Amino acid sequence: MVRTPLTPEERLRGERLGRLLREARGERSMVAVAASAGISAETLRKIETGRAPTPAFFTVAALAGALGLSMDELLGRCALEPAGSVGSEASAGPAVVPLIA
């Protein structure tokens, strides 16, 4: 099965998710957080760097739990892009982008 290419919005959403998870992880090791979430450190690395911009829902939920984030908080912080930060799209105000397609 051929996977359809990601849209620019999906890539940006993946980058925001990765940045948020990296910030929430703080000084904790990637290996420790990944183990706590029941995923591999390589999977967490790919998500944090945006190389896996559309992780499975249960992977995101497990990471949120391991990092002490609620899914509502994760969605709220990841879905809204502040005005003026994403080229011409942001000129019309904040864009609401779903966390998981």
Protein backbone atom coordinates (compact mmCIF):
# COMPACT_ATOMS: atom_id res chain seq x y z
CA MET A 1 0.00 0.00 0.00
CA VAL A 2 1.35 3.42 -0.96
CA ARG A 3 1.13 6.12 1.68
CA THR A 4 -0.06 9.53 0.53
CA PRO A 5 2.48 12.32 1.03
CA LEU A 6 2.03 14.48 4.10
CA THR A 7 0.69 17.99 3.69
CA PRO A 8 2.72 20.95 4.94
CA GLU A 9 0.18 21.32 7.77
CA GLU A 10 0.71 17.70 8.83
CA ARG A 11 4.45 18.22 8.87
CA LEU A 12 4.10 21.38 10.99
CA ARG A 13 1.74 19.62 13.38
CA GLY A 14 4.28 16.80 13.76
CA GLU A 15 7.05 19.30 14.46
CA ARG A 16 4.91 21.05 17.11
CA LEU A 17 4.07 17.71 18.73
CA GLY A 18 7.74 16.72 18.80
CA ARG A 19 8.79 20.07 20.26
CA LEU A 20 6.11 19.85 22.96
CA LEU A 21 7.08 16.31 23.94
CA ARG A 22 10.78 17.22 24.02
CA GLU A 23 10.03 20.20 26.29
CA ALA A 24 7.82 18.09 28.57
CA ARG A 25 10.53 15.42 28.82
CA GLY A 26 12.95 18.03 30.16
CA GLU A 27 16.02 16.46 31.75
CA ARG A 28 14.58 12.93 31.76
CA SER A 29 16.32 10.55 29.42
CA MET A 30 14.68 9.53 26.18
CA VAL A 31 15.16 5.87 27.12
CA ALA A 32 13.41 6.29 30.49
CA VAL A 33 10.42 8.16 29.04
CA ALA A 34 10.08 5.71 26.15
CA ALA A 35 10.20 2.74 28.53
CA SER A 36 7.59 4.36 30.76
CA ALA A 37 5.33 4.82 27.73
CA GLY A 38 5.96 1.30 26.45
CA ILE A 39 7.55 2.38 23.19
CA SER A 40 11.08 2.20 21.83
CA ALA A 41 13.53 5.05 22.30
CA GLU A 42 13.88 5.17 18.51
CA THR A 43 10.13 5.75 18.12
CA LEU A 44 10.28 8.60 20.63
CA ARG A 45 13.33 10.02 18.84
CA LYS A 46 11.46 9.97 15.51
CA ILE A 47 8.42 11.69 17.02
CA GLU A 48 10.50 14.34 18.79
CA THR A 49 12.44 15.16 15.64
CA GLY A 50 9.37 15.25 13.40
CA ARG A 51 10.45 12.22 11.35
CA ALA A 52 7.24 10.46 12.51
CA PRO A 53 4.78 13.36 12.24
CA THR A 54 1.64 11.21 12.47
CA PRO A 55 2.16 8.80 15.36
CA ALA A 56 -0.65 6.45 16.37
CA PHE A 57 -3.20 7.77 18.85
CA PHE A 58 -2.28 5.22 21.51
CA THR A 59 1.40 6.10 21.18
CA VAL A 60 0.60 9.78 21.78
CA ALA A 61 -1.69 8.85 24.69
CA ALA A 62 1.02 6.68 26.27
CA LEU A 63 3.60 9.45 25.92
CA ALA A 64 1.19 12.01 27.38
CA GLY A 65 0.65 9.75 30.39
CA ALA A 66 4.37 9.13 30.86
CA LEU A 67 5.04 12.87 30.72
CA GLY A 68 2.15 13.89 32.97
CA LEU A 69 0.26 15.69 30.21
CA SER A 70 -3.46 15.39 29.64
CA MET A 71 -4.66 14.75 26.11
CA ASP A 72 -6.65 18.01 26.32
CA GLU A 73 -3.51 19.92 27.26
CA LEU A 74 -1.54 18.22 24.51
CA LEU A 75 -4.20 19.03 21.92
CA GLY A 76 -4.55 22.62 23.09
CA ARG A 77 -0.84 23.31 23.05
CA CYS A 78 -0.17 21.46 19.82
CA ALA A 79 -3.16 22.44 17.68
CA LEU A 80 -3.12 26.22 17.91
CA GLU A 81 -0.40 28.08 16.06
CA PRO A 82 0.13 31.66 17.29
CA ALA A 83 -0.68 34.38 14.76
CA GLY A 84 2.28 35.57 12.73
CA SER A 85 4.40 32.46 13.14
CA VAL A 86 3.54 30.42 10.04
CA GLY A 87 3.88 32.50 6.91
CA SER A 88 0.76 33.88 5.25
CA GLU A 89 -1.63 31.37 6.84
CA ALA A 90 -1.22 33.02 10.21
CA SER A 91 -2.13 36.47 8.95
CA ALA A 92 -5.82 35.56 9.21
CA GLY A 93 -5.45 34.63 12.90
CA PRO A 94 -4.65 31.43 14.72
CA ALA A 95 -5.10 28.26 12.71
CA VAL A 96 -6.78 25.29 14.32
CA VAL A 97 -5.18 22.07 13.15
CA PRO A 98 -6.27 18.66 14.44
CA LEU A 99 -3.60 16.81 16.40
CA ILE A 100 -4.19 13.43 14.82
CA ALA A 101 -5.57 13.00 11.32
